[in-house]
Amino acid sequence: MTEALRAIIHWGFHQLDLNRIEAFVIPENTASIKLLGNLQFVEEGLLRQYGFWKGQFHDLRIFSLLKRDYRTFI
């Protein structure tokens, strides 16, 4: 998953000229949170009851990576 996400990030910043990439993660998904941290994403906060599925609202943590903070991964 790390290699796939690295390729997507690179493509987004270099081919699409994005300035910001966001990720929304359920708080219990520690593997995804760790992966995002390893790829330089910064946590911006908790979005309370932001998502709705299976008949109920769920909290989501939001992470972002800005183009100015992006470093090519070796």
C-alpha atoms as a PDB file:
ATOM      1  CA  MET A   1       0.000   0.000   0.000  1.00  0.00           C
ATOM      2  CA  THR A   2       2.872   2.378   0.736  1.00  0.00           C
ATOM      3  CA  GLU A   3       4.259   2.159  -2.789  1.00  0.00           C
ATOM      4  CA  ALA A   4       0.838   2.647  -4.367  1.00  0.00           C
ATOM      5  CA  LEU A   5       0.107   5.716  -2.241  1.00  0.00           C
ATOM      6  CA  ARG A   6       3.548   7.164  -2.997  1.00  0.00           C
ATOM      7  CA  ALA A   7       2.846   6.852  -6.717  1.00  0.00           C
ATOM      8  CA  ILE A   8      -0.583   8.475  -6.344  1.00  0.00           C
ATOM      9  CA  ILE A   9       0.869  11.375  -4.337  1.00  0.00           C
ATOM     10  CA  HIS A  10       3.620  11.939  -6.897  1.00  0.00           C
ATOM     11  CA  TRP A  11       1.113  11.823  -9.767  1.00  0.00           C
ATOM     12  CA  GLY A  12      -1.248  14.205  -7.982  1.00  0.00           C
ATOM     13  CA  PHE A  13       1.383  16.846  -7.318  1.00  0.00           C
ATOM     14  CA  HIS A  14       3.302  16.524 -10.599  1.00  0.00           C
ATOM     15  CA  GLN A  15       0.722  15.561 -13.225  1.00  0.00           C
ATOM     16  CA  LEU A  16      -2.445  17.135 -11.830  1.00  0.00           C
ATOM     17  CA  ASP A  17      -0.624  20.075 -10.204  1.00  0.00           C
ATOM     18  CA  LEU A  18      -2.617  19.652  -6.990  1.00  0.00           C
ATOM     19  CA  ASN A  19      -1.764  21.862  -4.052  1.00  0.00           C
ATOM     20  CA  ARG A  20      -3.348  19.674  -1.367  1.00  0.00           C
ATOM     21  CA  ILE A  21      -4.211  16.020  -0.879  1.00  0.00           C
ATOM     22  CA  GLU A  22      -6.610  15.023   1.903  1.00  0.00           C
ATOM     23  CA  ALA A  23      -7.349  11.748   3.639  1.00  0.00           C
ATOM     24  CA  PHE A  24     -10.321  10.990   5.895  1.00  0.00           C
ATOM     25  CA  VAL A  25      -9.864   8.045   8.278  1.00  0.00           C
ATOM     26  CA  ILE A  26     -12.016   6.458  10.957  1.00  0.00           C
ATOM     27  CA  PRO A  27     -10.228   6.908  14.311  1.00  0.00           C
ATOM     28  CA  GLU A  28      -9.926   3.141  14.894  1.00  0.00           C
ATOM     29  CA  ASN A  29      -7.971   2.562  11.659  1.00  0.00           C
ATOM     30  CA  THR A  30      -4.509   2.761  13.203  1.00  0.00           C
ATOM     31  CA  ALA A  31      -2.770   1.128  10.226  1.00  0.00           C
ATOM     32  CA  SER A  32      -3.963   3.854   7.837  1.00  0.00           C
ATOM     33  CA  ILE A  33      -3.109   6.587  10.338  1.00  0.00           C
ATOM     34  CA  LYS A  34       0.427   5.208  10.682  1.00  0.00           C
ATOM     35  CA  LEU A  35       0.811   4.966   6.892  1.00  0.00           C
ATOM     36  CA  LEU A  36      -0.276   8.570   6.403  1.00  0.00           C
ATOM     37  CA  GLY A  37       2.169   9.722   9.084  1.00  0.00           C
ATOM     38  CA  ASN A  38       4.996   7.845   7.386  1.00  0.00           C
ATOM     39  CA  LEU A  39       4.123   9.625   4.124  1.00  0.00           C
ATOM     40  CA  GLN A  40       4.338  13.095   5.734  1.00  0.00           C
ATOM     41  CA  PHE A  41       0.604  13.744   6.076  1.00  0.00           C
ATOM     42  CA  VAL A  42      -0.315  16.074   8.932  1.00  0.00           C
ATOM     43  CA  GLU A  43      -3.370  15.500  11.093  1.00  0.00           C
ATOM     44  CA  GLU A  44      -5.635  18.528  11.069  1.00  0.00           C
ATOM     45  CA  GLY A  45      -8.324  17.384  13.437  1.00  0.00           C
ATOM     46  CA  LEU A  46     -11.375  15.327  14.214  1.00  0.00           C
ATOM     47  CA  LEU A  47     -14.553  15.802  12.205  1.00  0.00           C
ATOM     48  CA  ARG A  48     -17.307  14.807  14.602  1.00  0.00           C
ATOM     49  CA  GLN A  49     -20.088  12.736  13.059  1.00  0.00           C
ATOM     50  CA  TYR A  50     -18.850  13.715   9.585  1.00  0.00           C
ATOM     51  CA  GLY A  51     -19.493  10.381   7.880  1.00  0.00           C
ATOM     52  CA  PHE A  52     -22.765   8.509   7.614  1.00  0.00           C
ATOM     53  CA  TRP A  53     -23.002   4.827   6.735  1.00  0.00           C
ATOM     54  CA  LYS A  54     -24.825   1.750   7.979  1.00  0.00           C
ATOM     55  CA  GLY A  55     -27.539   3.970   9.408  1.00  0.00           C
ATOM     56  CA  GLN A  56     -25.384   5.982  11.793  1.00  0.00           C
ATOM     57  CA  PHE A  57     -22.969   8.905  11.968  1.00  0.00           C
ATOM     58  CA  HIS A  58     -19.232   8.356  12.459  1.00  0.00           C
ATOM     59  CA  ASP A  59     -16.296  10.546  13.443  1.00  0.00           C
ATOM     60  CA  LEU A  60     -13.449  10.937  10.953  1.00  0.00           C
ATOM     61  CA  ARG A  61      -9.896  12.182  11.384  1.00  0.00           C
ATOM     62  CA  ILE A  62      -8.649  14.435   8.578  1.00  0.00           C
ATOM     63  CA  PHE A  63      -5.061  14.437   7.330  1.00  0.00           C
ATOM     64  CA  SER A  64      -3.470  16.510   4.585  1.00  0.00           C
ATOM     65  CA  LEU A  65      -0.275  16.841   2.608  1.00  0.00           C
ATOM     66  CA  LEU A  66       0.551  20.162   0.952  1.00  0.00           C
ATOM     67  CA  LYS A  67       2.633  20.443  -2.180  1.00  0.00           C
ATOM     68  CA  ARG A  68       5.045  22.838  -0.452  1.00  0.00           C
ATOM     69  CA  ASP A  69       5.675  20.221   2.270  1.00  0.00           C
ATOM     70  CA  TYR A  70       5.991  17.285  -0.118  1.00  0.00           C
ATOM     71  CA  ARG A  71       9.369  15.656  -0.570  1.00  0.00           C
ATOM     72  CA  THR A  72       9.990  13.032  -3.192  1.00  0.00           C
ATOM     73  CA  PHE A  73      10.273   9.619  -1.544  1.00  0.00           C
ATOM     74  CA  ILE A  74      13.406   7.648  -2.280  1.00  0.00           C
END
